[in-house]
Amino acid sequence: MALRQRAKARAACQTGGGWRNARGWLWQGKDVLRAARRESTSPMFGLFGKREVKPSPVDAMFTRIVDASRQPALYLDGGIADDFEGRFESLTLHVFLVMRRLRELPAPAGDVAQDLVDACFAYLELGVRNSGTSDIAVPKRMKKIGQMFYGRVQAYEAALLAQDPAELAEALRRNAAPQASSGEGAAHLAAYARRIQTRLAQRDLEAILAEAPLFPALQPGETDHGN
């Protein structure tokens, strides 16, 4: 059942339905989420036991995404909270930007993007479980995380397409840095996100999978001026 739902989600993405059509698959409950975790070889699992398989290119890419999302400057200068929710926000922003570029590229980039989503949610579920959440509560928690993730995806996509460059900073202020005392952190994040967008636009699938580092460093004081 889980495999059929995964196939349905992939088909929706590849036929122009967009990533929003795939979100239903992520909300089906514990069985589907566990299937995604079994099929993914998330780098996080290596921290808790010996890996029996060589990391795939998607694993390696996801590791770089996680590393980039944990840059201290994102929290010190970008205003992201240094807690589970803040780390989720930072990871979501980075995954979104890579996923957005992948869906612009020809096949098999769509499959790679879905594998990236699988790895991301397997990683997040492991974090939820390791936080002490009971097995019974995990599906409800993951459903909420799925809603939050795709809510951010929609907000950031709309902001990047908006004519007003300030829309991206506002979307980031609402979601990624709501506790910041001013909008400066969100402005730094917006400038950083646009530099990532520009950099990824120059990379094909092979480069995205292999290049390290994949992301630029956040520069303190940088300001978003739009495209």
Protein backbone atom coordinates (compact mmCIF):
# COMPACT_ATOMS: atom_id res chain seq x y z
CA MET A 1 0.00 0.00 0.00
CA ALA A 2 2.73 2.42 0.91
CA LEU A 3 4.58 1.77 -2.33
CA ARG A 4 1.44 2.49 -4.36
CA GLN A 5 0.96 5.76 -2.51
CA ARG A 6 4.60 6.71 -3.11
CA ALA A 7 4.16 5.95 -6.83
CA LYS A 8 1.02 8.08 -6.90
CA ALA A 9 2.83 10.98 -5.30
CA ARG A 10 5.72 10.72 -7.77
CA ALA A 11 3.28 10.65 -10.70
CA ALA A 12 1.51 13.77 -9.43
CA CYS A 13 4.82 15.61 -9.29
CA GLN A 14 6.01 14.48 -12.70
CA THR A 15 2.77 15.28 -14.52
CA GLY A 16 2.69 18.90 -13.48
CA GLY A 17 0.52 18.54 -10.39
CA GLY A 18 3.29 20.10 -8.34
CA TRP A 19 4.66 19.24 -4.95
CA ARG A 20 1.48 20.37 -3.23
CA ASN A 21 -0.32 17.32 -4.73
CA ALA A 22 2.21 15.01 -3.08
CA ARG A 23 1.53 16.25 0.42
CA GLY A 24 -1.45 13.91 0.87
CA TRP A 25 0.90 10.94 0.71
CA LEU A 26 2.85 12.33 3.64
CA TRP A 27 -0.29 12.60 5.74
CA GLN A 28 -1.48 9.00 5.50
CA GLY A 29 -0.22 7.99 8.94
CA LYS A 30 2.32 5.77 10.61
CA ASP A 31 2.49 2.96 8.02
CA VAL A 32 3.38 5.23 5.13
CA LEU A 33 5.80 7.32 7.17
CA ARG A 34 7.56 4.20 8.41
CA ALA A 35 7.77 2.92 4.84
CA ALA A 36 9.45 6.15 3.79
CA ARG A 37 11.94 5.74 6.63
CA ARG A 38 12.71 2.12 5.70
CA GLU A 39 13.24 2.99 2.06
CA SER A 40 15.35 6.05 2.86
CA THR A 41 18.95 5.77 3.97
CA SER A 42 18.98 9.04 5.85
CA PRO A 43 22.45 10.05 7.08
CA MET A 44 21.00 10.61 10.53
CA PHE A 45 20.69 6.85 11.06
CA GLY A 46 24.47 6.55 10.93
CA LEU A 47 24.69 8.35 14.25
CA PHE A 48 22.88 5.54 16.03
CA GLY A 49 24.49 2.43 14.58
CA LYS A 50 26.78 1.05 11.95
CA ARG A 51 25.62 1.71 8.40
CA GLU A 52 25.39 -1.40 6.27
CA VAL A 53 25.00 0.40 2.97
CA LYS A 54 27.00 3.06 1.22
CA PRO A 55 25.22 6.43 1.31
CA SER A 56 23.40 7.19 -1.93
CA PRO A 57 23.90 10.46 -3.81
CA VAL A 58 20.65 11.71 -2.30
CA ASP A 59 21.95 10.83 1.19
CA ALA A 60 25.12 12.78 0.53
CA MET A 61 23.13 15.74 -0.79
CA PHE A 62 20.81 15.67 2.20
CA THR A 63 23.79 15.62 4.54
CA ARG A 64 25.05 18.81 2.92
CA ILE A 65 21.60 20.36 3.24
CA VAL A 66 21.46 19.52 6.95
CA ASP A 67 24.95 20.90 7.47
CA ALA A 68 24.07 24.14 5.68
CA SER A 69 20.87 24.51 7.69
CA ARG A 70 22.92 24.44 10.89
CA GLN A 71 25.24 27.33 10.07
CA PRO A 72 25.56 29.38 13.28
CA ALA A 73 25.00 32.62 11.36
CA LEU A 74 21.47 31.54 10.49
CA TYR A 75 20.62 31.57 14.17
CA LEU A 76 22.83 34.42 15.33
CA ASP A 77 22.21 36.83 12.45
CA GLY A 78 19.15 35.36 10.75
CA GLY A 79 17.01 35.32 13.87
CA ILE A 80 16.11 31.62 13.69
CA ALA A 81 15.48 30.08 17.11
CA ASP A 82 18.07 27.50 18.16
CA ASP A 83 15.59 24.77 19.09
CA PHE A 84 13.74 21.93 17.34
CA GLU A 85 11.26 24.27 15.71
CA GLY A 86 13.98 26.64 14.55
CA ARG A 87 16.09 23.85 13.12
CA PHE A 88 12.98 22.57 11.33
CA GLU A 89 12.43 26.03 9.82
CA SER A 90 16.03 26.27 8.62
CA LEU A 91 15.98 22.76 7.17
CA THR A 92 12.66 23.41 5.44
CA LEU A 93 14.00 26.54 3.75
CA HIS A 94 17.06 24.72 2.41
CA VAL A 95 15.12 21.65 1.28
CA PHE A 96 12.56 23.87 -0.44
CA LEU A 97 15.20 25.74 -2.44
CA VAL A 98 16.84 22.53 -3.64
CA MET A 99 13.47 20.87 -4.34
CA ARG A 100 12.38 23.93 -6.31
CA ARG A 101 15.44 23.73 -8.55
CA LEU A 102 15.09 19.97 -9.02
CA ARG A 103 11.55 20.27 -10.27
CA GLU A 104 12.78 22.72 -12.96
CA LEU A 105 15.20 20.12 -14.33
CA PRO A 106 14.42 17.21 -16.66
CA ALA A 107 14.03 13.62 -15.51
CA PRO A 108 15.19 11.95 -13.36
CA ALA A 109 15.35 15.13 -11.24
CA GLY A 110 11.71 14.67 -10.22
CA ASP A 111 12.50 11.27 -8.71
CA VAL A 112 15.51 12.74 -6.92
CA ALA A 113 13.30 15.49 -5.49
CA GLN A 114 10.85 12.91 -4.13
CA ASP A 115 13.73 10.93 -2.63
CA LEU A 116 14.88 14.15 -0.99
CA VAL A 117 11.44 14.65 0.56
CA ASP A 118 11.50 11.03 1.77
CA ALA A 119 14.89 11.51 3.40
CA CYS A 120 13.81 14.77 4.97
CA PHE A 121 10.70 13.30 6.58
CA ALA A 122 12.53 10.17 7.71
CA TYR A 123 15.06 12.46 9.41
CA LEU A 124 12.32 14.54 11.00
CA GLU A 125 10.43 11.48 12.20
CA LEU A 126 13.56 10.11 13.82
CA GLY A 127 14.02 13.43 15.60
CA VAL A 128 10.43 13.28 16.84
CA ARG A 129 10.87 9.72 18.11
CA ASN A 130 14.17 10.53 19.81
CA SER A 131 12.51 13.45 21.58
CA GLY A 132 10.48 10.93 23.57
CA THR A 133 7.24 11.09 21.58
CA SER A 134 5.27 7.86 21.96
CA ASP A 135 4.59 5.62 18.96
CA ILE A 136 0.90 6.42 19.23
CA ALA A 137 1.54 10.17 19.08
CA VAL A 138 4.10 10.09 16.25
CA PRO A 139 1.59 10.01 13.33
CA LYS A 140 -0.29 13.04 14.70
CA ARG A 141 2.98 14.92 15.23
CA MET A 142 4.21 14.04 11.73
CA LYS A 143 0.92 15.13 10.19
CA LYS A 144 1.36 18.53 11.82
CA ILE A 145 4.96 18.71 10.62
CA GLY A 146 3.81 17.82 7.10
CA GLN A 147 1.25 20.61 7.18
CA MET A 148 3.87 23.06 8.42
CA PHE A 149 6.38 21.96 5.79
CA TYR A 150 4.03 22.36 2.83
CA GLY A 151 2.65 25.58 4.25
CA ARG A 152 6.18 26.98 4.17
CA VAL A 153 6.74 25.62 0.66
CA GLN A 154 3.64 27.43 -0.59
CA ALA A 155 4.52 30.66 1.21
CA TYR A 156 8.11 30.76 -0.03
CA GLU A 157 7.11 29.83 -3.58
CA ALA A 158 4.56 32.63 -3.69
CA ALA A 159 7.09 35.07 -2.22
CA LEU A 160 9.74 34.20 -4.80
CA LEU A 161 7.22 34.75 -7.59
CA ALA A 162 5.92 38.03 -6.16
CA GLN A 163 6.90 41.31 -7.78
CA ASP A 164 7.67 42.89 -4.42
CA PRO A 165 11.06 41.64 -3.14
CA ALA A 166 9.93 42.37 0.41
CA GLU A 167 7.45 39.50 0.24
CA LEU A 168 10.19 36.92 0.78
CA ALA A 169 11.53 38.68 3.86
CA GLU A 170 8.01 38.93 5.24
CA ALA A 171 7.33 35.23 4.65
CA LEU A 172 10.57 34.35 6.41
CA ARG A 173 9.80 36.72 9.27
CA ARG A 174 6.43 35.05 9.84
CA ASN A 175 7.73 31.51 9.67
CA ALA A 176 11.47 31.17 10.22
CA ALA A 177 12.22 34.11 12.51
CA PRO A 178 9.01 35.09 14.32
CA GLN A 179 10.78 35.71 17.63
CA ALA A 180 13.27 38.21 16.25
CA SER A 181 12.89 41.67 17.73
CA SER A 182 13.18 43.31 14.30
CA GLY A 183 12.94 42.35 10.67
CA GLU A 184 16.69 42.49 10.11
CA GLY A 185 17.14 38.76 10.58
CA ALA A 186 14.45 37.96 8.03
CA ALA A 187 16.06 40.41 5.57
CA HIS A 188 19.37 38.58 5.96
CA LEU A 189 17.63 35.25 5.40
CA ALA A 190 15.87 36.57 2.30
CA ALA A 191 19.14 37.76 0.78
CA TYR A 192 20.74 34.43 1.62
CA ALA A 193 17.85 32.50 0.05
CA ARG A 194 18.07 34.50 -3.16
CA ARG A 195 21.81 33.85 -3.38
CA ILE A 196 21.07 30.12 -3.03
CA GLN A 197 18.41 30.40 -5.73
CA THR A 198 20.84 32.11 -8.09
CA ARG A 199 23.56 29.58 -7.38
CA LEU A 200 21.31 26.55 -7.87
CA ALA A 201 19.93 27.99 -11.11
CA GLN A 202 23.42 27.54 -12.57
CA ARG A 203 23.65 23.87 -11.57
CA ASP A 204 22.32 20.78 -13.32
CA LEU A 205 21.31 17.58 -11.55
CA GLU A 206 24.80 16.12 -11.55
CA ALA A 207 26.28 19.23 -10.00
CA ILE A 208 23.57 19.45 -7.36
CA LEU A 209 24.16 15.84 -6.33
CA ALA A 210 27.94 16.09 -6.29
CA GLU A 211 28.91 19.66 -5.44
CA ALA A 212 30.19 20.49 -2.00
CA PRO A 213 29.54 22.92 -0.52
CA LEU A 214 26.18 23.25 -2.21
CA PHE A 215 25.22 26.47 -0.40
CA PRO A 216 26.98 29.78 0.13
CA ALA A 217 27.63 31.01 3.65
CA LEU A 218 25.26 33.58 5.09
CA GLN A 219 27.03 36.93 5.10
CA PRO A 220 26.27 39.14 8.12
CA GLY A 221 24.62 42.38 7.07
CA GLU A 222 23.54 41.24 3.61
CA THR A 223 20.20 42.64 2.45
CA ASP A 224 17.70 41.35 -0.06
CA HIS A 225 17.26 43.53 -3.14
CA GLY A 226 15.26 41.00 -5.15
CA ASN A 227 16.30 39.44 -8.44
